[in-house]
Amino acid sequence: MESLNTTETVTRQVQQWEAWEKHSKQQLKLWRELGDLLERSDLSRSQKVLAQLESSQAPDLPDVRADAIKAWCQQEERQRPLRFSKQLRDAAEQQGLPCQTLGASPPTLRLEPLNVELDFKKGEAILSYARLELGRTTLDADLILRERARLLASLDSGDFQPEDFLAKTYEAYRRCLTGHGLKLGERVDLVDLLPELAFLLQSDRFRKDPTREAFRPYGKVRFAYDLARLRRSRVLEHQGARLTLGTATLGSTRSKDRVMFLEEAAQGQYYLSIAFQGGPSR
C-alpha cells in the first residue's frame, strides 16, 4: 500500500509539472511574438497578444513532496537485502542447495562452497572462494545460481586424482627446496610453491610447445580448492613423507598476497607455508 501511495504521489507530480511545462511554453511563445510586434510597431496586434498574456491563468504550483519519496527510498534500502536474500534462498532450495546467511554488512550468503556478497549500490553479486573473488553477476537470483554452477564447474574438474596431485605437490616442494638451498622437512611458502606446481600441472602439449594457447591457468583460488579436496580425501602421505601446512601468524596475515585461506563449510584459516616431513632424507 505504501509503495502504491508513493507511486501515486510521483504520478501527480508528473502531471502538475507537465501542466507547468505546457503553460511555460505557451507564455514563451506569446512573449517572443510580442517582442517581434513591438519591433515592427504593430500596436493593434501587440495589444491583442498582451491581452492574451494578461488573461492567461497559470496552473497551481506543484506541491513538491520529495520528503515522502526520500523516506520510501530509505525504507526500501533497509528492506531490500532481507527481501532479496529470501528470494535467493528460496530459489536455491528449489534446486536442493542450502543457502546460509553469513553476515549483514555487507550482506553475505553461503552457496556451498562459494560465498556470495550482495552489493546493492552497484547492483552486483560477488562470488568468491577462499576469500578470493571468482566472478560477478547482476543481482538476480537465477543468474547468481547459474554463475555459481559455472564457476564451480571451472574449479571442480573431474580429472582430479588425490595421489597424482599429492605427487606433483611433493615434486614442486622438492624444487623449491633446491632453489632456496633448504633441506627436506623445512618449510617453504605456499605462494613460492605455486608457480612450480602450476608448471608441473601443465599438459604434454605445453611442455612440447609452451605457447599461451597451450597454457592451463592455475592460480591461488584453484590451488586452495585442490588443497581442500586433498585434505578431504585424507591422502596426505607420499613416499613416507606427510604433507603439513604452516598456520599464518597474525603479522603474516596482513600481507594477503603471501598467505592462503583454506576453508571447509565456510570455516577456515590462513596458512603461510607447506612442508613434507618424514620419509627419505634425500
C-alpha atoms as a PDB file:
ATOM      1  CA  MET A   1       0.000   0.000   0.000  1.00  0.00           C
ATOM      2  CA  GLU A   2       2.806   2.404   0.882  1.00  0.00           C
ATOM      3  CA  SER A   3       4.519   1.710  -2.425  1.00  0.00           C
ATOM      4  CA  LEU A   4       1.233   2.405  -4.241  1.00  0.00           C
ATOM      5  CA  ASN A   5       0.791   5.726  -2.419  1.00  0.00           C
ATOM      6  CA  THR A   6       4.339   6.711  -3.326  1.00  0.00           C
ATOM      7  CA  THR A   7       3.691   5.894  -6.980  1.00  0.00           C
ATOM      8  CA  GLU A   8       0.508   7.978  -6.937  1.00  0.00           C
ATOM      9  CA  THR A   9       2.443  10.889  -5.454  1.00  0.00           C
ATOM     10  CA  VAL A  10       5.003  10.734  -8.243  1.00  0.00           C
ATOM     11  CA  THR A  11       2.236  10.488 -10.859  1.00  0.00           C
ATOM     12  CA  ARG A  12       0.565  13.629  -9.518  1.00  0.00           C
ATOM     13  CA  GLN A  13       3.899  15.449  -9.523  1.00  0.00           C
ATOM     14  CA  VAL A  14       4.486  14.499 -13.147  1.00  0.00           C
ATOM     15  CA  GLN A  15       1.030  15.689 -14.175  1.00  0.00           C
ATOM     16  CA  GLN A  16       1.459  19.026 -12.378  1.00  0.00           C
ATOM     17  CA  TRP A  17       4.868  19.658 -13.866  1.00  0.00           C
ATOM     18  CA  GLU A  18       3.601  18.722 -17.334  1.00  0.00           C
ATOM     19  CA  ALA A  19       0.864  21.360 -16.931  1.00  0.00           C
ATOM     20  CA  TRP A  20       3.502  23.911 -15.896  1.00  0.00           C
ATOM     21  CA  GLU A  21       5.655  22.920 -18.865  1.00  0.00           C
ATOM     22  CA  LYS A  22       2.762  23.424 -21.293  1.00  0.00           C
ATOM     23  CA  HIS A  23       1.881  26.790 -19.714  1.00  0.00           C
ATOM     24  CA  SER A  24       5.515  27.962 -19.825  1.00  0.00           C
ATOM     25  CA  LYS A  25       5.876  27.056 -23.489  1.00  0.00           C
ATOM     26  CA  GLN A  26       2.697  28.998 -24.332  1.00  0.00           C
ATOM     27  CA  GLN A  27       3.895  32.020 -22.359  1.00  0.00           C
ATOM     28  CA  LEU A  28       7.312  31.909 -24.022  1.00  0.00           C
ATOM     29  CA  LYS A  29       5.729  31.801 -27.471  1.00  0.00           C
ATOM     30  CA  LEU A  30       3.479  34.816 -26.718  1.00  0.00           C
ATOM     31  CA  TRP A  31       6.326  36.905 -25.251  1.00  0.00           C
ATOM     32  CA  ARG A  32       8.503  36.222 -28.298  1.00  0.00           C
ATOM     33  CA  GLU A  33       5.625  37.162 -30.589  1.00  0.00           C
ATOM     34  CA  LEU A  34       5.035  40.377 -28.596  1.00  0.00           C
ATOM     35  CA  GLY A  35       8.718  41.276 -28.898  1.00  0.00           C
ATOM     36  CA  ASP A  36       8.594  40.914 -32.690  1.00  0.00           C
ATOM     37  CA  LEU A  37       5.408  43.027 -32.926  1.00  0.00           C
ATOM     38  CA  LEU A  38       6.849  45.801 -30.827  1.00  0.00           C
ATOM     39  CA  GLU A  39       9.940  45.927 -33.048  1.00  0.00           C
ATOM     40  CA  ARG A  40       7.608  46.401 -36.037  1.00  0.00           C
ATOM     41  CA  SER A  41       5.499  48.963 -34.116  1.00  0.00           C
ATOM     42  CA  ASP A  42       2.372  46.887 -34.718  1.00  0.00           C
ATOM     43  CA  LEU A  43       0.225  48.425 -31.988  1.00  0.00           C
ATOM     44  CA  SER A  44      -3.017  46.621 -32.777  1.00  0.00           C
ATOM     45  CA  ARG A  45      -1.640  43.089 -32.754  1.00  0.00           C
ATOM     46  CA  SER A  46       0.618  43.890 -29.818  1.00  0.00           C
ATOM     47  CA  GLN A  47      -2.424  44.795 -27.759  1.00  0.00           C
ATOM     48  CA  LYS A  48      -4.137  41.512 -28.665  1.00  0.00           C
ATOM     49  CA  VAL A  49      -1.101  39.445 -27.633  1.00  0.00           C
ATOM     50  CA  LEU A  50      -0.775  41.461 -24.442  1.00  0.00           C
ATOM     51  CA  ALA A  51      -4.426  40.763 -23.647  1.00  0.00           C
ATOM     52  CA  GLN A  52      -3.764  37.027 -24.105  1.00  0.00           C
ATOM     53  CA  LEU A  53      -0.857  37.223 -21.690  1.00  0.00           C
ATOM     54  CA  GLU A  54      -2.923  39.086 -19.099  1.00  0.00           C
ATOM     55  CA  SER A  55      -5.862  36.664 -19.338  1.00  0.00           C
ATOM     56  CA  SER A  56      -3.715  33.540 -19.134  1.00  0.00           C
ATOM     57  CA  GLN A  57      -4.003  31.723 -15.827  1.00  0.00           C
ATOM     58  CA  ALA A  58      -1.089  29.741 -14.538  1.00  0.00           C
ATOM     59  CA  PRO A  59      -1.813  26.246 -13.164  1.00  0.00           C
ATOM     60  CA  ASP A  60      -1.305  25.548  -9.484  1.00  0.00           C
ATOM     61  CA  LEU A  61       2.328  25.376  -8.469  1.00  0.00           C
ATOM     62  CA  PRO A  62       3.307  21.726  -7.986  1.00  0.00           C
ATOM     63  CA  ASP A  63       3.326  20.670  -4.343  1.00  0.00           C
ATOM     64  CA  VAL A  64       6.747  19.055  -4.166  1.00  0.00           C
ATOM     65  CA  ARG A  65       6.774  16.068  -1.793  1.00  0.00           C
ATOM     66  CA  ALA A  66      10.322  14.841  -2.062  1.00  0.00           C
ATOM     67  CA  ASP A  67      10.440  14.010   1.658  1.00  0.00           C
ATOM     68  CA  ALA A  68       7.886  11.226   1.202  1.00  0.00           C
ATOM     69  CA  ILE A  69       9.857   9.763  -1.696  1.00  0.00           C
ATOM     70  CA  LYS A  70      13.095  10.020   0.281  1.00  0.00           C
ATOM     71  CA  ALA A  71      11.523   8.182   3.234  1.00  0.00           C
ATOM     72  CA  TRP A  72      10.306   5.435   0.888  1.00  0.00           C
ATOM     73  CA  CYS A  73      13.791   5.073  -0.637  1.00  0.00           C
ATOM     74  CA  GLN A  74      15.363   4.766   2.810  1.00  0.00           C
ATOM     75  CA  GLN A  75      12.836   2.122   3.853  1.00  0.00           C
ATOM     76  CA  GLU A  76      13.346   0.239   0.598  1.00  0.00           C
ATOM     77  CA  GLU A  77      17.125   0.349   1.107  1.00  0.00           C
ATOM     78  CA  ARG A  78      16.705  -1.253   4.542  1.00  0.00           C
ATOM     79  CA  GLN A  79      14.266  -3.939   3.410  1.00  0.00           C
ATOM     80  CA  ARG A  80      15.794  -4.908   0.072  1.00  0.00           C
ATOM     81  CA  PRO A  81      18.674  -7.032   1.453  1.00  0.00           C
ATOM     82  CA  LEU A  82      16.254  -9.141   3.508  1.00  0.00           C
ATOM     83  CA  ARG A  83      13.789  -9.471   0.660  1.00  0.00           C
ATOM     84  CA  PHE A  84      16.429 -10.370  -1.932  1.00  0.00           C
ATOM     85  CA  SER A  85      18.168 -12.795   0.414  1.00  0.00           C
ATOM     86  CA  LYS A  86      14.865 -14.630   0.834  1.00  0.00           C
ATOM     87  CA  GLN A  87      14.392 -14.738  -2.946  1.00  0.00           C
ATOM     88  CA  LEU A  88      17.858 -16.224  -3.399  1.00  0.00           C
ATOM     89  CA  ARG A  89      17.347 -18.696  -0.559  1.00  0.00           C
ATOM     90  CA  ASP A  90      14.013 -19.864  -1.994  1.00  0.00           C
ATOM     91  CA  ALA A  91      15.498 -20.252  -5.485  1.00  0.00           C
ATOM     92  CA  ALA A  92      18.473 -22.200  -4.090  1.00  0.00           C
ATOM     93  CA  GLU A  93      16.326 -24.515  -2.007  1.00  0.00           C
ATOM     94  CA  GLN A  94      14.214 -25.323  -5.067  1.00  0.00           C
ATOM     95  CA  GLN A  95      17.430 -26.760  -6.520  1.00  0.00           C
ATOM     96  CA  GLY A  96      18.203 -28.622  -3.301  1.00  0.00           C
ATOM     97  CA  LEU A  97      21.012 -26.221  -2.459  1.00  0.00           C
ATOM     98  CA  PRO A  98      21.228 -24.913   1.130  1.00  0.00           C
ATOM     99  CA  CYS A  99      21.667 -21.157   1.492  1.00  0.00           C
ATOM    100  CA  GLN A 100      23.184 -19.842   4.719  1.00  0.00           C
ATOM    101  CA  THR A 101      23.403 -16.226   5.888  1.00  0.00           C
ATOM    102  CA  LEU A 102      26.983 -15.355   6.889  1.00  0.00           C
ATOM    103  CA  GLY A 103      26.782 -11.626   7.561  1.00  0.00           C
ATOM    104  CA  ALA A 104      24.713  -8.478   7.218  1.00  0.00           C
ATOM    105  CA  SER A 105      27.306  -5.795   6.490  1.00  0.00           C
ATOM    106  CA  PRO A 106      27.860  -6.365   3.666  1.00  0.00           C
ATOM    107  CA  PRO A 107      25.025  -8.879   3.111  1.00  0.00           C
ATOM    108  CA  THR A 108      26.795 -12.194   2.509  1.00  0.00           C
ATOM    109  CA  LEU A 109      25.315 -15.639   1.855  1.00  0.00           C
ATOM    110  CA  ARG A 110      26.830 -19.085   1.521  1.00  0.00           C
ATOM    111  CA  LEU A 111      26.016 -21.206  -1.501  1.00  0.00           C
ATOM    112  CA  GLU A 112      28.367 -24.084  -0.749  1.00  0.00           C
ATOM    113  CA  PRO A 113      31.248 -23.911  -1.449  1.00  0.00           C
ATOM    114  CA  LEU A 114      31.098 -20.276  -2.545  1.00  0.00           C
ATOM    115  CA  ASN A 115      30.350 -17.066  -0.677  1.00  0.00           C
ATOM    116  CA  VAL A 116      28.036 -14.523  -2.313  1.00  0.00           C
ATOM    117  CA  GLU A 117      28.389 -10.879  -1.294  1.00  0.00           C
ATOM    118  CA  LEU A 118      25.484  -8.635  -2.306  1.00  0.00           C
ATOM    119  CA  ASP A 119      26.388  -5.081  -3.384  1.00  0.00           C
ATOM    120  CA  PHE A 120      23.097  -3.221  -3.771  1.00  0.00           C
ATOM    121  CA  LYS A 121      24.729   0.108  -4.649  1.00  0.00           C
ATOM    122  CA  LYS A 122      26.375  -1.406  -7.723  1.00  0.00           C
ATOM    123  CA  GLY A 123      23.610  -3.953  -8.319  1.00  0.00           C
ATOM    124  CA  GLU A 124      26.116  -6.816  -8.286  1.00  0.00           C
ATOM    125  CA  ALA A 125      26.688 -10.142  -6.580  1.00  0.00           C
ATOM    126  CA  ILE A 126      30.344 -11.013  -5.926  1.00  0.00           C
ATOM    127  CA  LEU A 127      31.087 -14.747  -5.814  1.00  0.00           C
ATOM    128  CA  SER A 128      34.236 -15.902  -4.059  1.00  0.00           C
ATOM    129  CA  TYR A 129      36.042 -18.953  -2.764  1.00  0.00           C
ATOM    130  CA  ALA A 130      38.737 -18.984  -0.069  1.00  0.00           C
ATOM    131  CA  ARG A 131      38.241 -15.205   0.206  1.00  0.00           C
ATOM    132  CA  LEU A 132      39.319 -14.778  -3.409  1.00  0.00           C
ATOM    133  CA  GLU A 133      36.928 -13.315  -5.957  1.00  0.00           C
ATOM    134  CA  LEU A 134      35.859 -15.688  -8.704  1.00  0.00           C
ATOM    135  CA  GLY A 135      33.277 -13.650 -10.601  1.00  0.00           C
ATOM    136  CA  ARG A 136      30.443 -11.133 -10.549  1.00  0.00           C
ATOM    137  CA  THR A 137      26.914 -11.037 -11.867  1.00  0.00           C
ATOM    138  CA  THR A 138      23.849  -8.838 -11.593  1.00  0.00           C
ATOM    139  CA  LEU A 139      21.532  -9.070  -8.589  1.00  0.00           C
ATOM    140  CA  ASP A 140      19.195 -11.699  -9.959  1.00  0.00           C
ATOM    141  CA  ALA A 141      18.624 -14.935  -8.050  1.00  0.00           C
ATOM    142  CA  ASP A 142      18.572 -17.176 -11.130  1.00  0.00           C
ATOM    143  CA  LEU A 143      21.675 -15.523 -12.626  1.00  0.00           C
ATOM    144  CA  ILE A 144      23.557 -15.925  -9.343  1.00  0.00           C
ATOM    145  CA  LEU A 145      22.747 -19.626  -9.203  1.00  0.00           C
ATOM    146  CA  ARG A 146      23.805 -20.121 -12.818  1.00  0.00           C
ATOM    147  CA  GLU A 147      27.053 -18.245 -12.249  1.00  0.00           C
ATOM    148  CA  ARG A 148      27.739 -20.326  -9.128  1.00  0.00           C
ATOM    149  CA  ALA A 149      27.270 -23.528 -11.143  1.00  0.00           C
ATOM    150  CA  ARG A 150      29.558 -22.251 -13.912  1.00  0.00           C
ATOM    151  CA  LEU A 151      32.332 -21.180 -11.516  1.00  0.00           C
ATOM    152  CA  LEU A 152      32.111 -24.391  -9.522  1.00  0.00           C
ATOM    153  CA  ALA A 153      32.420 -26.420 -12.721  1.00  0.00           C
ATOM    154  CA  SER A 154      35.604 -24.496 -13.568  1.00  0.00           C
ATOM    155  CA  LEU A 155      37.084 -25.464 -10.169  1.00  0.00           C
ATOM    156  CA  ASP A 156      35.751 -28.970  -9.722  1.00  0.00           C
ATOM    157  CA  SER A 157      37.482 -30.734 -12.588  1.00  0.00           C
ATOM    158  CA  GLY A 158      36.509 -34.347 -12.927  1.00  0.00           C
ATOM    159  CA  ASP A 159      40.104 -35.468 -13.550  1.00  0.00           C
ATOM    160  CA  PHE A 160      41.334 -34.654 -10.033  1.00  0.00           C
ATOM    161  CA  GLN A 161      43.252 -37.591  -8.560  1.00  0.00           C
ATOM    162  CA  PRO A 162      44.461 -37.054  -4.973  1.00  0.00           C
ATOM    163  CA  GLU A 163      47.517 -39.326  -5.328  1.00  0.00           C
ATOM    164  CA  ASP A 164      48.640 -37.642  -8.552  1.00  0.00           C
ATOM    165  CA  PHE A 165      48.076 -34.139  -7.158  1.00  0.00           C
ATOM    166  CA  LEU A 166      49.986 -35.015  -3.978  1.00  0.00           C
ATOM    167  CA  ALA A 167      52.907 -36.393  -6.007  1.00  0.00           C
ATOM    168  CA  LYS A 168      53.131 -33.226  -8.090  1.00  0.00           C
ATOM    169  CA  THR A 169      52.864 -31.067  -4.968  1.00  0.00           C
ATOM    170  CA  TYR A 170      55.741 -33.075  -3.476  1.00  0.00           C
ATOM    171  CA  GLU A 171      57.844 -32.573  -6.601  1.00  0.00           C
ATOM    172  CA  ALA A 172      57.108 -28.840  -6.558  1.00  0.00           C
ATOM    173  CA  TYR A 173      58.148 -28.766  -2.909  1.00  0.00           C
ATOM    174  CA  ARG A 174      61.456 -30.520  -3.703  1.00  0.00           C
ATOM    175  CA  ARG A 175      62.156 -27.997  -6.453  1.00  0.00           C
ATOM    176  CA  CYS A 176      61.518 -25.114  -4.035  1.00  0.00           C
ATOM    177  CA  LEU A 177      63.904 -26.663  -1.517  1.00  0.00           C
ATOM    178  CA  THR A 178      66.611 -26.857  -4.155  1.00  0.00           C
ATOM    179  CA  GLY A 179      66.024 -23.281  -5.290  1.00  0.00           C
ATOM    180  CA  HIS A 180      66.203 -21.924  -1.740  1.00  0.00           C
ATOM    181  CA  GLY A 181      69.009 -24.149  -0.513  1.00  0.00           C
ATOM    182  CA  LEU A 182      66.808 -25.883   2.054  1.00  0.00           C
ATOM    183  CA  LYS A 183      66.613 -29.453   3.339  1.00  0.00           C
ATOM    184  CA  LEU A 184      63.743 -31.914   3.207  1.00  0.00           C
ATOM    185  CA  GLY A 185      61.311 -31.193   6.041  1.00  0.00           C
ATOM    186  CA  GLU A 186      61.936 -27.440   6.069  1.00  0.00           C
ATOM    187  CA  ARG A 187      59.066 -25.136   5.190  1.00  0.00           C
ATOM    188  CA  VAL A 188      58.550 -23.128   2.028  1.00  0.00           C
ATOM    189  CA  ASP A 189      55.874 -20.504   1.438  1.00  0.00           C
ATOM    190  CA  LEU A 190      52.772 -21.696  -0.374  1.00  0.00           C
ATOM    191  CA  VAL A 191      52.978 -18.797  -2.826  1.00  0.00           C
ATOM    192  CA  ASP A 192      56.555 -19.821  -3.717  1.00  0.00           C
ATOM    193  CA  LEU A 193      55.495 -23.403  -4.332  1.00  0.00           C
ATOM    194  CA  LEU A 194      52.525 -22.411  -6.517  1.00  0.00           C
ATOM    195  CA  PRO A 195      54.473 -21.442  -9.700  1.00  0.00           C
ATOM    196  CA  GLU A 196      56.397 -24.731  -9.576  1.00  0.00           C
ATOM    197  CA  LEU A 197      53.171 -26.684  -9.142  1.00  0.00           C
ATOM    198  CA  ALA A 198      51.444 -24.741 -11.929  1.00  0.00           C
ATOM    199  CA  PHE A 199      54.214 -25.780 -14.317  1.00  0.00           C
ATOM    200  CA  LEU A 200      54.073 -29.441 -13.250  1.00  0.00           C
ATOM    201  CA  LEU A 201      50.299 -29.491 -13.864  1.00  0.00           C
ATOM    202  CA  GLN A 202      50.672 -28.401 -17.489  1.00  0.00           C
ATOM    203  CA  SER A 203      49.863 -30.783 -20.308  1.00  0.00           C
ATOM    204  CA  ASP A 204      52.382 -32.601 -22.508  1.00  0.00           C
ATOM    205  CA  ARG A 205      51.306 -30.237 -25.277  1.00  0.00           C
ATOM    206  CA  PHE A 206      52.514 -27.241 -23.271  1.00  0.00           C
ATOM    207  CA  ARG A 207      55.823 -28.874 -22.354  1.00  0.00           C
ATOM    208  CA  LYS A 208      56.476 -29.688 -26.003  1.00  0.00           C
ATOM    209  CA  ASP A 209      55.419 -26.250 -27.229  1.00  0.00           C
ATOM    210  CA  PRO A 210      54.975 -23.739 -24.344  1.00  0.00           C
ATOM    211  CA  THR A 211      52.655 -21.273 -26.025  1.00  0.00           C
ATOM    212  CA  ARG A 212      49.969 -19.112 -24.454  1.00  0.00           C
ATOM    213  CA  GLU A 213      47.251 -21.155 -26.159  1.00  0.00           C
ATOM    214  CA  ALA A 214      48.554 -24.364 -24.600  1.00  0.00           C
ATOM    215  CA  PHE A 215      48.982 -22.919 -21.090  1.00  0.00           C
ATOM    216  CA  ARG A 216      46.487 -24.030 -18.458  1.00  0.00           C
ATOM    217  CA  PRO A 217      45.970 -21.248 -15.875  1.00  0.00           C
ATOM    218  CA  TYR A 218      46.434 -22.379 -12.289  1.00  0.00           C
ATOM    219  CA  GLY A 219      46.115 -19.647  -9.665  1.00  0.00           C
ATOM    220  CA  LYS A 220      45.690 -19.300  -5.910  1.00  0.00           C
ATOM    221  CA  VAL A 221      41.960 -19.971  -5.875  1.00  0.00           C
ATOM    222  CA  ARG A 222      42.363 -23.251  -7.788  1.00  0.00           C
ATOM    223  CA  PHE A 223      45.285 -24.235  -5.557  1.00  0.00           C
ATOM    224  CA  ALA A 224      43.199 -23.551  -2.432  1.00  0.00           C
ATOM    225  CA  TYR A 225      40.327 -25.614  -3.839  1.00  0.00           C
ATOM    226  CA  ASP A 226      42.591 -28.555  -4.698  1.00  0.00           C
ATOM    227  CA  LEU A 227      44.282 -28.469  -1.292  1.00  0.00           C
ATOM    228  CA  ALA A 228      40.844 -28.612   0.345  1.00  0.00           C
ATOM    229  CA  ARG A 229      39.941 -31.605  -1.853  1.00  0.00           C
ATOM    230  CA  LEU A 230      43.217 -33.272  -0.965  1.00  0.00           C
ATOM    231  CA  ARG A 231      42.619 -32.861   2.778  1.00  0.00           C
ATOM    232  CA  ARG A 232      39.077 -34.239   2.449  1.00  0.00           C
ATOM    233  CA  SER A 233      40.488 -37.305   0.673  1.00  0.00           C
ATOM    234  CA  ARG A 234      42.914 -37.849   3.592  1.00  0.00           C
ATOM    235  CA  VAL A 235      45.633 -38.694   1.074  1.00  0.00           C
ATOM    236  CA  LEU A 236      48.449 -36.696   2.676  1.00  0.00           C
ATOM    237  CA  GLU A 237      51.470 -39.028   2.637  1.00  0.00           C
ATOM    238  CA  HIS A 238      53.879 -39.514  -0.271  1.00  0.00           C
ATOM    239  CA  GLN A 239      56.944 -41.766  -0.160  1.00  0.00           C
ATOM    240  CA  GLY A 240      56.679 -41.844   3.616  1.00  0.00           C
ATOM    241  CA  ALA A 241      56.635 -38.048   3.939  1.00  0.00           C
ATOM    242  CA  ARG A 242      53.498 -36.383   5.231  1.00  0.00           C
ATOM    243  CA  LEU A 243      52.204 -33.046   3.939  1.00  0.00           C
ATOM    244  CA  THR A 244      51.781 -30.418   6.645  1.00  0.00           C
ATOM    245  CA  LEU A 245      50.642 -26.817   6.394  1.00  0.00           C
ATOM    246  CA  GLY A 246      52.014 -23.998   8.494  1.00  0.00           C
ATOM    247  CA  THR A 247      49.467 -21.626  10.005  1.00  0.00           C
ATOM    248  CA  ALA A 248      49.965 -17.948   9.223  1.00  0.00           C
ATOM    249  CA  THR A 249      50.723 -15.691  12.166  1.00  0.00           C
ATOM    250  CA  LEU A 250      48.783 -12.514  12.840  1.00  0.00           C
ATOM    251  CA  GLY A 251      51.606 -10.476  11.358  1.00  0.00           C
ATOM    252  CA  SER A 252      51.850 -12.510   8.161  1.00  0.00           C
ATOM    253  CA  THR A 253      48.097 -12.335   7.506  1.00  0.00           C
ATOM    254  CA  ARG A 254      48.460  -8.593   6.958  1.00  0.00           C
ATOM    255  CA  SER A 255      50.134  -9.437   3.652  1.00  0.00           C
ATOM    256  CA  LYS A 256      47.254 -11.240   1.970  1.00  0.00           C
ATOM    257  CA  ASP A 257      49.308 -11.860  -1.163  1.00  0.00           C
ATOM    258  CA  ARG A 258      51.685 -14.068   0.866  1.00  0.00           C
ATOM    259  CA  VAL A 259      49.102 -16.291   2.579  1.00  0.00           C
ATOM    260  CA  MET A 260      46.217 -18.529   1.552  1.00  0.00           C
ATOM    261  CA  PHE A 261      42.870 -19.095   3.218  1.00  0.00           C
ATOM    262  CA  LEU A 262      41.786 -22.725   3.258  1.00  0.00           C
ATOM    263  CA  GLU A 263      38.195 -23.455   4.173  1.00  0.00           C
ATOM    264  CA  GLU A 264      35.673 -26.142   4.856  1.00  0.00           C
ATOM    265  CA  ALA A 265      31.928 -25.376   5.105  1.00  0.00           C
ATOM    266  CA  ALA A 266      32.510 -21.619   5.441  1.00  0.00           C
ATOM    267  CA  GLN A 267      35.092 -22.169   8.201  1.00  0.00           C
ATOM    268  CA  GLY A 268      38.835 -21.987   7.809  1.00  0.00           C
ATOM    269  CA  GLN A 269      42.062 -20.140   8.474  1.00  0.00           C
ATOM    270  CA  TYR A 270      45.084 -18.588   6.797  1.00  0.00           C
ATOM    271  CA  TYR A 271      48.161 -20.687   6.041  1.00  0.00           C
ATOM    272  CA  LEU A 272      51.616 -19.492   5.089  1.00  0.00           C
ATOM    273  CA  SER A 273      53.813 -22.492   4.407  1.00  0.00           C
ATOM    274  CA  ILE A 274      53.985 -26.122   3.379  1.00  0.00           C
ATOM    275  CA  ALA A 275      56.362 -28.990   4.161  1.00  0.00           C
ATOM    276  CA  PHE A 276      56.691 -32.737   3.691  1.00  0.00           C
ATOM    277  CA  GLN A 277      58.102 -34.214   6.853  1.00  0.00           C
ATOM    278  CA  GLY A 278      59.438 -37.710   7.478  1.00  0.00           C
ATOM    279  CA  GLY A 279      60.313 -40.196   4.753  1.00  0.00           C
ATOM    280  CA  PRO A 280      63.634 -40.366   2.838  1.00  0.00           C
ATOM    281  CA  SER A 281      66.275 -37.786   3.632  1.00  0.00           C
ATOM    282  CA  ARG A 282      67.190 -37.204   0.025  1.00  0.00           C
END
